[in-house]
C-alpha atoms as a PDB file:
ATOM      1  CA  MET A   1     -58.599 -24.452 -40.167  1.00  0.00           C
ATOM      2  CA  GLU A   2     -62.137 -23.835 -42.059  1.00  0.00           C
ATOM      3  CA  LYS A   3     -64.974 -22.362 -39.162  1.00  0.00           C
ATOM      4  CA  ALA A   4     -67.687 -24.865 -39.350  1.00  0.00           C
ATOM      5  CA  ASN A   5     -63.908 -27.332 -38.207  1.00  0.00           C
ATOM      6  CA  ILE A   6     -64.432 -26.312 -35.607  1.00  0.00           C
ATOM      7  CA  ALA A   7     -66.540 -28.081 -33.293  1.00  0.00           C
ATOM      8  CA  ARG A   8     -65.839 -31.221 -34.962  1.00  0.00           C
ATOM      9  CA  GLU A   9     -61.649 -30.833 -34.155  1.00  0.00           C
ATOM     10  CA  ILE A  10     -62.864 -30.161 -30.167  1.00  0.00           C
ATOM     11  CA  GLU A  11     -64.756 -32.868 -30.070  1.00  0.00           C
ATOM     12  CA  THR A  12     -62.191 -35.194 -30.999  1.00  0.00           C
ATOM     13  CA  LEU A  13     -60.120 -33.824 -27.898  1.00  0.00           C
ATOM     14  CA  PRO A  14     -60.599 -35.869 -23.935  1.00  0.00           C
ATOM     15  CA  PRO A  15     -62.717 -34.498 -22.174  1.00  0.00           C
ATOM     16  CA  GLU A  16     -60.355 -32.210 -20.274  1.00  0.00           C
ATOM     17  CA  ALA A  17     -58.457 -30.983 -23.552  1.00  0.00           C
ATOM     18  CA  GLN A  18     -62.430 -29.407 -24.677  1.00  0.00           C
ATOM     19  CA  LYS A  19     -62.733 -27.712 -20.763  1.00  0.00           C
ATOM     20  CA  GLN A  20     -59.279 -26.066 -21.637  1.00  0.00           C
ATOM     21  CA  VAL A  21     -59.986 -24.852 -25.447  1.00  0.00           C
ATOM     22  CA  LEU A  22     -63.916 -23.533 -23.499  1.00  0.00           C
ATOM     23  CA  ASP A  23     -61.502 -21.685 -20.533  1.00  0.00           C
ATOM     24  CA  PHE A  24     -59.238 -20.498 -23.065  1.00  0.00           C
ATOM     25  CA  VAL A  25     -62.915 -18.602 -25.336  1.00  0.00           C
ATOM     26  CA  ALA A  26     -63.737 -17.908 -21.541  1.00  0.00           C
ATOM     27  CA  PHE A  27     -61.034 -15.828 -20.914  1.00  0.00           C
ATOM     28  CA  LEU A  28     -60.669 -14.556 -25.310  1.00  0.00           C
ATOM     29  CA  LYS A  29     -64.355 -12.982 -24.374  1.00  0.00           C
ATOM     30  CA  ALA A  30     -63.282 -11.427 -21.634  1.00  0.00           C
ATOM     31  CA  ARG A  31     -60.275  -9.962 -22.665  1.00  0.00           C
ATOM     32  CA  TYR A  32     -61.833  -8.900 -25.880  1.00  0.00           C
ATOM     33  CA  PRO A  33     -65.367  -7.533 -25.291  1.00  0.00           C
ATOM     34  CA  SER A  34     -67.787  -6.948 -28.051  1.00  0.00           C
ATOM     35  CA  THR A  35     -68.230  -4.090 -29.350  1.00  0.00           C
ATOM     36  CA  GLN A  36     -70.796  -4.316 -32.086  1.00  0.00           C
ATOM     37  CA  PRO A  37     -73.979  -3.154 -30.100  1.00  0.00           C
ATOM     38  CA  THR A  38     -77.099  -5.544 -29.545  1.00  0.00           C
ATOM     39  CA  LYS A  39     -79.908  -6.345 -30.909  1.00  0.00           C
ATOM     40  CA  SER A  40     -81.874  -4.234 -28.043  1.00  0.00           C
ATOM     41  CA  ALA A  41     -79.734  -0.853 -28.372  1.00  0.00           C
ATOM     42  CA  ARG A  42     -81.088   0.887 -30.689  1.00  0.00           C
ATOM     43  CA  ARG A  43     -79.514   4.104 -31.436  1.00  0.00           C
ATOM     44  CA  THR A  44     -82.235   7.300 -30.841  1.00  0.00           C
ATOM     45  CA  ARG A  45     -82.220  11.359 -32.366  1.00  0.00           C
ATOM     46  CA  LEU A  46     -80.886  13.277 -30.039  1.00  0.00           C
ATOM     47  CA  SER A  47     -84.295  15.654 -30.662  1.00  0.00           C
ATOM     48  CA  ALA A  48     -86.429  12.733 -29.762  1.00  0.00           C
ATOM     49  CA  GLU A  49     -84.731  12.523 -26.541  1.00  0.00           C
ATOM     50  CA  PRO A  50     -87.452  13.202 -23.586  1.00  0.00           C
ATOM     51  CA  PHE A  51     -85.369  16.047 -22.289  1.00  0.00           C
ATOM     52  CA  ILE A  52     -84.978  18.546 -24.848  1.00  0.00           C
ATOM     53  CA  GLY A  53     -86.662  21.030 -24.845  1.00  0.00           C
ATOM     54  CA  MET A  54     -87.854  20.972 -21.064  1.00  0.00           C
ATOM     55  CA  TRP A  55     -86.737  24.489 -20.641  1.00  0.00           C
ATOM     56  CA  LYS A  56     -87.936  25.358 -24.159  1.00  0.00           C
ATOM     57  CA  ASP A  57     -91.496  27.779 -21.913  1.00  0.00           C
ATOM     58  CA  ARG A  58     -89.717  29.042 -18.825  1.00  0.00           C
ATOM     59  CA  GLU A  59     -88.701  33.191 -19.362  1.00  0.00           C
ATOM     60  CA  ASP A  60     -85.887  33.379 -17.146  1.00  0.00           C
ATOM     61  CA  MET A  61     -84.318  30.799 -19.416  1.00  0.00           C
ATOM     62  CA  ARG A  62     -84.260  32.856 -21.982  1.00  0.00           C
ATOM     63  CA  ASP A  63     -80.896  34.147 -21.980  1.00  0.00           C
ATOM     64  CA  SER A  64     -78.831  31.299 -20.720  1.00  0.00           C
ATOM     65  CA  LEU A  65     -75.659  33.611 -20.365  1.00  0.00           C
ATOM     66  CA  ALA A  66     -77.633  35.884 -17.760  1.00  0.00           C
ATOM     67  CA  TRP A  67     -79.409  32.792 -16.249  1.00  0.00           C
ATOM     68  CA  VAL A  68     -75.479  31.750 -15.251  1.00  0.00           C
ATOM     69  CA  ARG A  69     -74.720  34.969 -13.882  1.00  0.00           C
ATOM     70  CA  GLY A  70     -77.539  35.178 -12.378  1.00  0.00           C
ATOM     71  CA  LEU A  71     -76.532  32.219 -10.579  1.00  0.00           C
ATOM     72  CA  ARG A  72     -73.322  32.232  -9.925  1.00  0.00           C
ATOM     73  CA  GLN A  73     -73.399  35.491  -9.086  1.00  0.00           C
ATOM     74  CA  ARG A  74     -76.483  34.842  -6.008  1.00  0.00           C
ATOM     75  CA  GLU A  75     -74.162  31.954  -4.611  1.00  0.00           C
ATOM     76  CA  TRP A  76     -71.300  33.870  -4.526  1.00  0.00           C
ATOM     77  CA  GLU A  77     -72.738  36.629  -2.437  1.00  0.00           C
ATOM     78  CA  HIS A  78     -73.795  33.889  -0.374  1.00  0.00           C
ATOM     79  CA  GLY A  79     -70.226  31.836  -0.103  1.00  0.00           C
ATOM     80  CA  ALA A  80     -68.788  35.036   1.668  1.00  0.00           C
END
């Protein structure tokens, strides 16, 4: 059946059957949600995100591994 003919075919059904068709369509939409992004959803380049570079001027974070080690050490000493 051609897609263009579907609406005409549905219109020829009795009102109760038309309601069943609409219910079935709603069921299918719920079961198979759209995986296509909406028009309002846009991909933003990661480099354009506002959080990128937010710690760039922090001297204490120049060496992030040392910063994390220090943070853990302080927490473990405090918690013990």
